[in-house]
Amino acid sequence: MRNSAPIEFVLKKGRYLLNTDGGTRSSGRRSRGDEPDEAAIGIVLNDPDDRPVTRVREAIGRETIQGAEYRALIKGLQLAFDYGILKVRVFVDNQLVVDQINALSDVKSDRLKGLHADVCSLLQRFDDERVYWVPRERNKDADGLVREALYPRSGR
């Protein structure tokens, strides 16, 4: 069952635009067995006219970069579905995650296999969906939300 969208939201015809990003405080380089760093997600959902519907920034605790990317995508897809959106174009700046979602690359990490399955399951709820890779510069709003969540006082 879908959650109710805010009263002021009116579902429009067409494809909604969803940009998601996940990041950590580190450079992403970890040795096997190292504890992941603090992570955050950023989500930008726009209507078919590219007008904002909602934006989310959230610290998610300790997570790897790939895990944060998947968690952002999961939350973004769930949010879109909760609004009643059934046509969506998703833009992610992590090539490996996009390739895994589009079955161009295998998910080798046991940790990520469950997150990958969750994303694939959510995507099946939509009537029309596509997931695309974009360079970070074209995902700057979602990336900025991640930075705001990770560094709330420093303005980094």
N, C-alpha and C. Protein backbone atom coordinates (compact mmCIF):
# COMPACT_ATOMS: atom_id res chain seq x y z
N MET A 1 0.83 -1.18 0.00
CA MET A 1 0.00 0.00 0.00
C MET A 1 0.88 1.24 0.00
N ARG A 2 0.50 2.23 -0.76
CA ARG A 2 1.29 3.45 -0.87
C ARG A 2 0.96 4.42 0.26
N ASN A 3 1.96 5.13 0.71
CA ASN A 3 1.72 6.20 1.67
C ASN A 3 1.11 7.38 0.93
N SER A 4 0.45 8.23 1.64
CA SER A 4 -0.15 9.41 1.02
C SER A 4 0.92 10.46 0.75
N ALA A 5 0.81 11.08 -0.40
CA ALA A 5 1.69 12.21 -0.72
C ALA A 5 1.11 13.45 -0.05
N PRO A 6 1.92 14.49 0.12
CA PRO A 6 1.39 15.73 0.68
C PRO A 6 0.20 16.23 -0.14
N ILE A 7 -0.74 16.88 0.54
CA ILE A 7 -1.97 17.34 -0.10
C ILE A 7 -1.69 18.26 -1.29
N GLU A 8 -0.66 19.11 -1.19
CA GLU A 8 -0.38 20.06 -2.26
C GLU A 8 0.21 19.41 -3.52
N PHE A 9 0.60 18.15 -3.43
CA PHE A 9 1.21 17.48 -4.57
C PHE A 9 0.13 17.01 -5.54
N VAL A 10 0.30 17.37 -6.82
CA VAL A 10 -0.60 16.92 -7.88
C VAL A 10 0.23 16.13 -8.88
N LEU A 11 -0.11 14.86 -9.04
CA LEU A 11 0.62 13.99 -9.95
C LEU A 11 0.41 14.45 -11.39
N LYS A 12 1.52 14.66 -12.09
CA LYS A 12 1.46 15.08 -13.49
C LYS A 12 1.76 13.90 -14.40
N LYS A 13 1.28 13.98 -15.62
CA LYS A 13 1.63 12.96 -16.61
C LYS A 13 3.07 13.17 -17.04
N GLY A 14 3.72 12.09 -17.38
CA GLY A 14 5.10 12.18 -17.85
C GLY A 14 6.06 11.49 -16.91
N ARG A 15 7.32 11.58 -17.25
CA ARG A 15 8.38 10.91 -16.50
C ARG A 15 8.99 11.87 -15.48
N TYR A 16 9.03 11.43 -14.25
CA TYR A 16 9.66 12.21 -13.19
C TYR A 16 11.16 11.96 -13.22
N LEU A 17 11.92 12.90 -12.70
CA LEU A 17 13.38 12.86 -12.72
C LEU A 17 13.89 12.69 -11.30
N LEU A 18 14.65 11.64 -11.08
CA LEU A 18 15.16 11.33 -9.75
C LEU A 18 16.68 11.28 -9.80
N ASN A 19 17.33 12.18 -9.06
CA ASN A 19 18.78 12.17 -8.92
C ASN A 19 19.10 11.70 -7.51
N THR A 20 19.98 10.71 -7.39
CA THR A 20 20.38 10.24 -6.07
C THR A 20 21.89 10.19 -5.98
N ASP A 21 22.38 10.34 -4.76
CA ASP A 21 23.82 10.26 -4.53
C ASP A 21 24.05 9.78 -3.11
N GLY A 22 25.15 9.10 -2.93
CA GLY A 22 25.58 8.67 -1.61
C GLY A 22 27.06 8.93 -1.48
N GLY A 23 27.50 9.21 -0.29
CA GLY A 23 28.92 9.47 -0.09
C GLY A 23 29.33 9.25 1.34
N THR A 24 30.64 9.24 1.55
CA THR A 24 31.21 9.08 2.88
C THR A 24 32.20 10.20 3.14
N ARG A 25 32.62 10.30 4.38
CA ARG A 25 33.60 11.33 4.74
C ARG A 25 34.99 11.01 4.22
N SER A 26 35.25 9.78 3.87
CA SER A 26 36.59 9.40 3.41
C SER A 26 36.67 9.49 1.89
N SER A 27 37.84 9.18 1.39
CA SER A 27 38.05 9.13 -0.05
C SER A 27 37.46 7.87 -0.65
N GLY A 28 37.02 6.96 0.22
CA GLY A 28 36.48 5.70 -0.27
C GLY A 28 37.48 4.57 -0.29
N ARG A 29 38.71 4.87 -0.03
CA ARG A 29 39.75 3.84 -0.03
C ARG A 29 39.84 3.23 1.37
N ARG A 30 39.49 1.96 1.43
CA ARG A 30 39.55 1.24 2.70
C ARG A 30 40.29 -0.06 2.49
N SER A 31 40.90 -0.54 3.55
CA SER A 31 41.49 -1.86 3.53
C SER A 31 40.44 -2.86 3.97
N ARG A 32 40.57 -4.07 3.51
CA ARG A 32 39.62 -5.13 3.90
C ARG A 32 39.56 -5.20 5.43
N GLY A 33 38.36 -5.20 5.94
CA GLY A 33 38.17 -5.29 7.39
C GLY A 33 38.06 -3.94 8.08
N ASP A 34 38.40 -2.85 7.39
CA ASP A 34 38.25 -1.52 8.00
C ASP A 34 36.77 -1.20 8.18
N GLU A 35 36.47 -0.51 9.26
CA GLU A 35 35.11 -0.04 9.50
C GLU A 35 34.77 1.05 8.48
N PRO A 36 33.57 1.02 7.89
CA PRO A 36 33.19 2.09 6.96
C PRO A 36 33.11 3.44 7.69
N ASP A 37 33.21 4.50 6.93
CA ASP A 37 33.11 5.86 7.48
C ASP A 37 31.66 6.30 7.58
N GLU A 38 31.46 7.46 8.20
CA GLU A 38 30.13 8.06 8.27
C GLU A 38 29.68 8.37 6.84
N ALA A 39 28.41 8.11 6.57
CA ALA A 39 27.89 8.26 5.22
C ALA A 39 26.59 9.07 5.23
N ALA A 40 26.22 9.53 4.05
CA ALA A 40 24.98 10.30 3.90
C ALA A 40 24.44 10.08 2.49
N ILE A 41 23.16 10.42 2.34
CA ILE A 41 22.51 10.32 1.04
C ILE A 41 21.87 11.66 0.67
N GLY A 42 21.74 11.87 -0.63
CA GLY A 42 21.05 13.04 -1.16
C GLY A 42 20.11 12.61 -2.27
N ILE A 43 18.90 13.17 -2.25
CA ILE A 43 17.88 12.80 -3.22
C ILE A 43 17.20 14.06 -3.73
N VAL A 44 17.07 14.16 -5.05
CA VAL A 44 16.35 15.26 -5.68
C VAL A 44 15.31 14.65 -6.61
N LEU A 45 14.04 14.92 -6.34
CA LEU A 45 12.95 14.43 -7.17
C LEU A 45 12.28 15.63 -7.83
N ASN A 46 12.26 15.63 -9.16
CA ASN A 46 11.64 16.70 -9.94
C ASN A 46 10.50 16.15 -10.78
N ASP A 47 9.55 17.03 -11.07
CA ASP A 47 8.41 16.61 -11.89
C ASP A 47 8.80 16.58 -13.37
N PRO A 48 7.91 16.17 -14.25
CA PRO A 48 8.26 16.09 -15.68
C PRO A 48 8.68 17.42 -16.31
N ASP A 49 8.31 18.55 -15.67
CA ASP A 49 8.74 19.87 -16.15
C ASP A 49 10.04 20.31 -15.49
N ASP A 50 10.70 19.40 -14.79
CA ASP A 50 11.96 19.64 -14.08
C ASP A 50 11.80 20.64 -12.94
N ARG A 51 10.61 20.67 -12.34
CA ARG A 51 10.36 21.51 -11.16
C ARG A 51 10.46 20.62 -9.92
N PRO A 52 10.99 21.17 -8.82
CA PRO A 52 11.19 20.36 -7.62
C PRO A 52 9.90 19.81 -7.03
N VAL A 53 9.96 18.55 -6.65
CA VAL A 53 8.89 17.92 -5.87
C VAL A 53 9.37 17.83 -4.43
N THR A 54 10.56 17.27 -4.23
CA THR A 54 11.14 17.17 -2.89
C THR A 54 12.64 16.94 -2.98
N ARG A 55 13.30 17.26 -1.89
CA ARG A 55 14.74 17.04 -1.74
C ARG A 55 14.97 16.42 -0.37
N VAL A 56 15.90 15.49 -0.31
CA VAL A 56 16.21 14.81 0.95
C VAL A 56 17.71 14.80 1.14
N ARG A 57 18.14 15.13 2.35
CA ARG A 57 19.53 14.92 2.75
C ARG A 57 19.47 14.24 4.10
N GLU A 58 20.28 13.20 4.24
CA GLU A 58 20.18 12.40 5.46
C GLU A 58 21.49 11.70 5.76
N ALA A 59 21.95 11.83 6.99
CA ALA A 59 23.08 11.05 7.46
C ALA A 59 22.56 9.64 7.73
N ILE A 60 23.31 8.63 7.32
CA ILE A 60 22.83 7.25 7.45
C ILE A 60 23.73 6.38 8.33
N GLY A 61 24.68 6.99 9.01
CA GLY A 61 25.59 6.21 9.85
C GLY A 61 26.76 5.68 9.04
N ARG A 62 27.36 4.63 9.52
CA ARG A 62 28.54 4.08 8.85
C ARG A 62 28.12 3.21 7.67
N GLU A 63 28.75 3.47 6.53
CA GLU A 63 28.43 2.73 5.32
C GLU A 63 29.56 2.93 4.31
N THR A 64 29.70 2.01 3.39
CA THR A 64 30.66 2.16 2.30
C THR A 64 30.07 3.10 1.25
N ILE A 65 30.89 3.56 0.34
CA ILE A 65 30.39 4.43 -0.72
C ILE A 65 29.34 3.71 -1.56
N GLN A 66 29.63 2.48 -1.97
CA GLN A 66 28.66 1.72 -2.78
C GLN A 66 27.36 1.51 -2.00
N GLY A 67 27.50 1.17 -0.71
CA GLY A 67 26.32 0.97 0.12
C GLY A 67 25.50 2.25 0.23
N ALA A 68 26.17 3.39 0.39
CA ALA A 68 25.46 4.67 0.47
C ALA A 68 24.75 4.98 -0.85
N GLU A 69 25.39 4.68 -1.97
CA GLU A 69 24.75 4.90 -3.27
C GLU A 69 23.47 4.07 -3.40
N TYR A 70 23.57 2.80 -3.01
CA TYR A 70 22.39 1.93 -3.07
C TYR A 70 21.30 2.43 -2.12
N ARG A 71 21.68 2.84 -0.91
CA ARG A 71 20.68 3.30 0.06
C ARG A 71 19.98 4.58 -0.42
N ALA A 72 20.72 5.45 -1.08
CA ALA A 72 20.10 6.66 -1.66
C ALA A 72 19.11 6.27 -2.74
N LEU A 73 19.48 5.35 -3.56
CA LEU A 73 18.61 4.90 -4.65
C LEU A 73 17.35 4.23 -4.10
N ILE A 74 17.51 3.40 -3.08
CA ILE A 74 16.35 2.75 -2.45
C ILE A 74 15.39 3.79 -1.88
N LYS A 75 15.93 4.73 -1.12
CA LYS A 75 15.07 5.75 -0.51
C LYS A 75 14.41 6.62 -1.58
N GLY A 76 15.15 6.98 -2.62
CA GLY A 76 14.59 7.80 -3.69
C GLY A 76 13.47 7.10 -4.45
N LEU A 77 13.68 5.83 -4.77
CA LEU A 77 12.65 5.07 -5.48
C LEU A 77 11.40 4.87 -4.61
N GLN A 78 11.62 4.59 -3.33
CA GLN A 78 10.48 4.43 -2.42
C GLN A 78 9.70 5.74 -2.31
N LEU A 79 10.42 6.84 -2.22
CA LEU A 79 9.79 8.15 -2.13
C LEU A 79 8.95 8.44 -3.38
N ALA A 80 9.53 8.19 -4.55
CA ALA A 80 8.79 8.41 -5.80
C ALA A 80 7.53 7.55 -5.84
N PHE A 81 7.67 6.30 -5.46
CA PHE A 81 6.52 5.39 -5.47
C PHE A 81 5.46 5.84 -4.47
N ASP A 82 5.90 6.32 -3.30
CA ASP A 82 4.96 6.80 -2.29
C ASP A 82 4.17 8.02 -2.78
N TYR A 83 4.77 8.81 -3.67
CA TYR A 83 4.07 9.94 -4.28
C TYR A 83 3.08 9.48 -5.35
N GLY A 84 3.11 8.22 -5.70
CA GLY A 84 2.22 7.70 -6.74
C GLY A 84 2.82 7.77 -8.13
N ILE A 85 4.09 8.07 -8.20
CA ILE A 85 4.79 8.19 -9.48
C ILE A 85 5.06 6.79 -10.03
N LEU A 86 4.74 6.59 -11.30
CA LEU A 86 4.97 5.28 -11.91
C LEU A 86 5.90 5.33 -13.12
N LYS A 87 6.30 6.55 -13.51
CA LYS A 87 7.25 6.71 -14.61
C LYS A 87 8.41 7.56 -14.09
N VAL A 88 9.61 7.01 -14.16
CA VAL A 88 10.74 7.71 -13.56
C VAL A 88 12.02 7.47 -14.36
N ARG A 89 12.81 8.50 -14.44
CA ARG A 89 14.16 8.41 -14.97
C ARG A 89 15.10 8.73 -13.82
N VAL A 90 16.01 7.81 -13.56
CA VAL A 90 16.90 7.91 -12.41
C VAL A 90 18.31 8.21 -12.90
N PHE A 91 18.98 9.14 -12.22
CA PHE A 91 20.34 9.55 -12.58
C PHE A 91 21.24 9.37 -11.36
N VAL A 92 22.32 8.59 -11.56
CA VAL A 92 23.25 8.24 -10.49
C VAL A 92 24.66 8.48 -11.02
N ASP A 93 25.56 9.02 -10.18
CA ASP A 93 26.91 9.30 -10.67
C ASP A 93 27.93 8.22 -10.31
N ASN A 94 27.46 7.04 -9.92
CA ASN A 94 28.36 5.92 -9.63
C ASN A 94 28.19 4.88 -10.73
N GLN A 95 29.16 4.82 -11.63
CA GLN A 95 29.08 3.94 -12.81
C GLN A 95 28.89 2.48 -12.44
N LEU A 96 29.61 2.01 -11.42
CA LEU A 96 29.51 0.60 -11.04
C LEU A 96 28.09 0.26 -10.59
N VAL A 97 27.50 1.09 -9.76
CA VAL A 97 26.13 0.84 -9.28
C VAL A 97 25.16 0.82 -10.46
N VAL A 98 25.28 1.76 -11.37
CA VAL A 98 24.40 1.81 -12.54
C VAL A 98 24.59 0.54 -13.38
N ASP A 99 25.83 0.15 -13.61
CA ASP A 99 26.08 -1.07 -14.38
C ASP A 99 25.50 -2.30 -13.69
N GLN A 100 25.59 -2.35 -12.36
CA GLN A 100 25.02 -3.48 -11.63
C GLN A 100 23.49 -3.49 -11.74
N ILE A 101 22.87 -2.34 -11.61
CA ILE A 101 21.41 -2.25 -11.72
C ILE A 101 20.95 -2.64 -13.12
N ASN A 102 21.72 -2.25 -14.12
CA ASN A 102 21.35 -2.54 -15.51
C ASN A 102 21.90 -3.88 -16.00
N ALA A 103 22.35 -4.72 -15.07
CA ALA A 103 22.84 -6.07 -15.36
C ALA A 103 24.01 -6.11 -16.33
N LEU A 104 24.84 -5.08 -16.28
CA LEU A 104 26.05 -5.04 -17.10
C LEU A 104 27.28 -5.46 -16.31
N SER A 105 27.13 -5.54 -15.00
CA SER A 105 28.22 -5.91 -14.11
C SER A 105 27.64 -6.71 -12.95
N ASP A 106 28.40 -7.68 -12.47
CA ASP A 106 27.96 -8.50 -11.36
C ASP A 106 28.15 -7.77 -10.03
N VAL A 107 27.31 -8.09 -9.07
CA VAL A 107 27.48 -7.61 -7.70
C VAL A 107 28.30 -8.68 -6.98
N LYS A 108 29.53 -8.36 -6.67
CA LYS A 108 30.42 -9.35 -6.08
C LYS A 108 30.38 -9.34 -4.56
N SER A 109 30.07 -8.20 -3.98
CA SER A 109 30.05 -8.06 -2.53
C SER A 109 28.78 -8.66 -1.95
N ASP A 110 28.95 -9.59 -1.01
CA ASP A 110 27.79 -10.16 -0.34
C ASP A 110 27.01 -9.08 0.40
N ARG A 111 27.71 -8.08 0.93
CA ARG A 111 27.07 -6.97 1.63
C ARG A 111 26.11 -6.21 0.72
N LEU A 112 26.46 -6.08 -0.55
CA LEU A 112 25.66 -5.26 -1.47
C LEU A 112 24.57 -6.06 -2.19
N LYS A 113 24.65 -7.37 -2.17
CA LYS A 113 23.68 -8.18 -2.91
C LYS A 113 22.24 -7.93 -2.44
N GLY A 114 22.03 -7.78 -1.15
CA GLY A 114 20.70 -7.50 -0.62
C GLY A 114 20.19 -6.13 -1.04
N LEU A 115 21.08 -5.14 -1.00
CA LEU A 115 20.70 -3.78 -1.42
C LEU A 115 20.37 -3.76 -2.91
N HIS A 116 21.16 -4.46 -3.69
CA HIS A 116 20.92 -4.56 -5.13
C HIS A 116 19.56 -5.20 -5.39
N ALA A 117 19.26 -6.27 -4.67
CA ALA A 117 17.96 -6.95 -4.83
C ALA A 117 16.81 -6.01 -4.45
N ASP A 118 17.01 -5.21 -3.41
CA ASP A 118 15.98 -4.25 -3.00
C ASP A 118 15.71 -3.22 -4.10
N VAL A 119 16.78 -2.70 -4.71
CA VAL A 119 16.62 -1.73 -5.80
C VAL A 119 15.88 -2.36 -6.96
N CYS A 120 16.30 -3.56 -7.35
CA CYS A 120 15.65 -4.24 -8.48
C CYS A 120 14.17 -4.49 -8.21
N SER A 121 13.85 -4.86 -6.99
CA SER A 121 12.46 -5.09 -6.60
C SER A 121 11.65 -3.79 -6.67
N LEU A 122 12.22 -2.71 -6.19
CA LEU A 122 11.54 -1.41 -6.26
C LEU A 122 11.33 -0.96 -7.70
N LEU A 123 12.32 -1.16 -8.54
CA LEU A 123 12.20 -0.75 -9.94
C LEU A 123 11.06 -1.47 -10.64
N GLN A 124 10.78 -2.70 -10.23
CA GLN A 124 9.70 -3.47 -10.84
C GLN A 124 8.32 -2.90 -10.53
N ARG A 125 8.23 -2.06 -9.52
CA ARG A 125 6.94 -1.44 -9.17
C ARG A 125 6.52 -0.37 -10.17
N PHE A 126 7.47 0.15 -10.91
CA PHE A 126 7.20 1.25 -11.84
C PHE A 126 6.77 0.71 -13.19
N ASP A 127 5.88 1.45 -13.85
CA ASP A 127 5.43 1.08 -15.19
C ASP A 127 6.50 1.38 -16.23
N ASP A 128 7.30 2.40 -15.97
CA ASP A 128 8.29 2.89 -16.94
C ASP A 128 9.45 3.45 -16.14
N GLU A 129 10.61 2.81 -16.21
CA GLU A 129 11.77 3.27 -15.45
C GLU A 129 13.05 3.02 -16.23
N ARG A 130 14.02 3.87 -15.99
CA ARG A 130 15.36 3.72 -16.54
C ARG A 130 16.34 4.29 -15.52
N VAL A 131 17.51 3.67 -15.43
CA VAL A 131 18.56 4.15 -14.54
C VAL A 131 19.77 4.48 -15.41
N TYR A 132 20.24 5.72 -15.31
CA TYR A 132 21.34 6.22 -16.13
C TYR A 132 22.50 6.69 -15.27
N TRP A 133 23.71 6.54 -15.80
CA TRP A 133 24.87 7.15 -15.19
C TRP A 133 25.00 8.57 -15.72
N VAL A 134 25.36 9.49 -14.80
CA VAL A 134 25.69 10.86 -15.19
C VAL A 134 26.98 11.25 -14.47
N PRO A 135 27.76 12.15 -15.06
CA PRO A 135 28.95 12.62 -14.34
C PRO A 135 28.54 13.41 -13.10
N ARG A 136 29.41 13.46 -12.11
CA ARG A 136 29.12 14.16 -10.86
C ARG A 136 28.65 15.59 -11.10
N GLU A 137 29.22 16.26 -12.10
CA GLU A 137 28.84 17.65 -12.38
C GLU A 137 27.35 17.77 -12.76
N ARG A 138 26.78 16.70 -13.30
CA ARG A 138 25.37 16.71 -13.70
C ARG A 138 24.48 16.15 -12.59
N ASN A 139 25.10 15.87 -11.45
CA ASN A 139 24.37 15.37 -10.29
C ASN A 139 24.67 16.24 -9.07
N LYS A 140 25.01 17.51 -9.36
CA LYS A 140 25.53 18.39 -8.31
C LYS A 140 24.53 18.70 -7.21
N ASP A 141 23.24 18.74 -7.50
CA ASP A 141 22.27 19.04 -6.45
C ASP A 141 22.21 17.90 -5.43
N ALA A 142 22.13 16.67 -5.89
CA ALA A 142 22.12 15.52 -4.97
C ALA A 142 23.46 15.42 -4.24
N ASP A 143 24.56 15.64 -4.95
CA ASP A 143 25.89 15.62 -4.34
C ASP A 143 25.99 16.70 -3.26
N GLY A 144 25.46 17.87 -3.52
CA GLY A 144 25.47 18.95 -2.53
C GLY A 144 24.70 18.59 -1.28
N LEU A 145 23.59 17.89 -1.44
CA LEU A 145 22.81 17.45 -0.28
C LEU A 145 23.60 16.45 0.56
N VAL A 146 24.34 15.57 -0.10
CA VAL A 146 25.20 14.62 0.63
C VAL A 146 26.22 15.40 1.45
N ARG A 147 26.86 16.37 0.83
CA ARG A 147 27.88 17.17 1.53
C ARG A 147 27.29 17.94 2.70
N GLU A 148 26.09 18.49 2.51
CA GLU A 148 25.42 19.21 3.61
C GLU A 148 25.15 18.27 4.78
N ALA A 149 24.75 17.04 4.50
CA ALA A 149 24.47 16.08 5.57
C ALA A 149 25.75 15.62 6.26
N LEU A 150 26.85 15.48 5.50
CA LEU A 150 28.10 15.03 6.08
C LEU A 150 28.83 16.14 6.84
N TYR A 151 28.73 17.36 6.36
CA TYR A 151 29.46 18.49 6.94
C TYR A 151 28.48 19.63 7.21
N PRO A 152 27.56 19.46 8.14
CA PRO A 152 26.50 20.46 8.34
C PRO A 152 26.98 21.84 8.76
N ARG A 153 28.08 21.95 9.44
CA ARG A 153 28.52 23.26 9.93
C ARG A 153 29.62 23.89 9.11
N SER A 154 30.39 23.06 8.41
CA SER A 154 31.58 23.58 7.74
C SER A 154 31.30 24.19 6.38
N GLY A 155 30.14 23.84 5.77
CA GLY A 155 29.83 24.38 4.45
C GLY A 155 30.67 23.78 3.34
N ARG A 156 31.30 22.63 3.58
CA ARG A 156 32.15 21.98 2.56
C ARG A 156 31.38 21.50 1.40
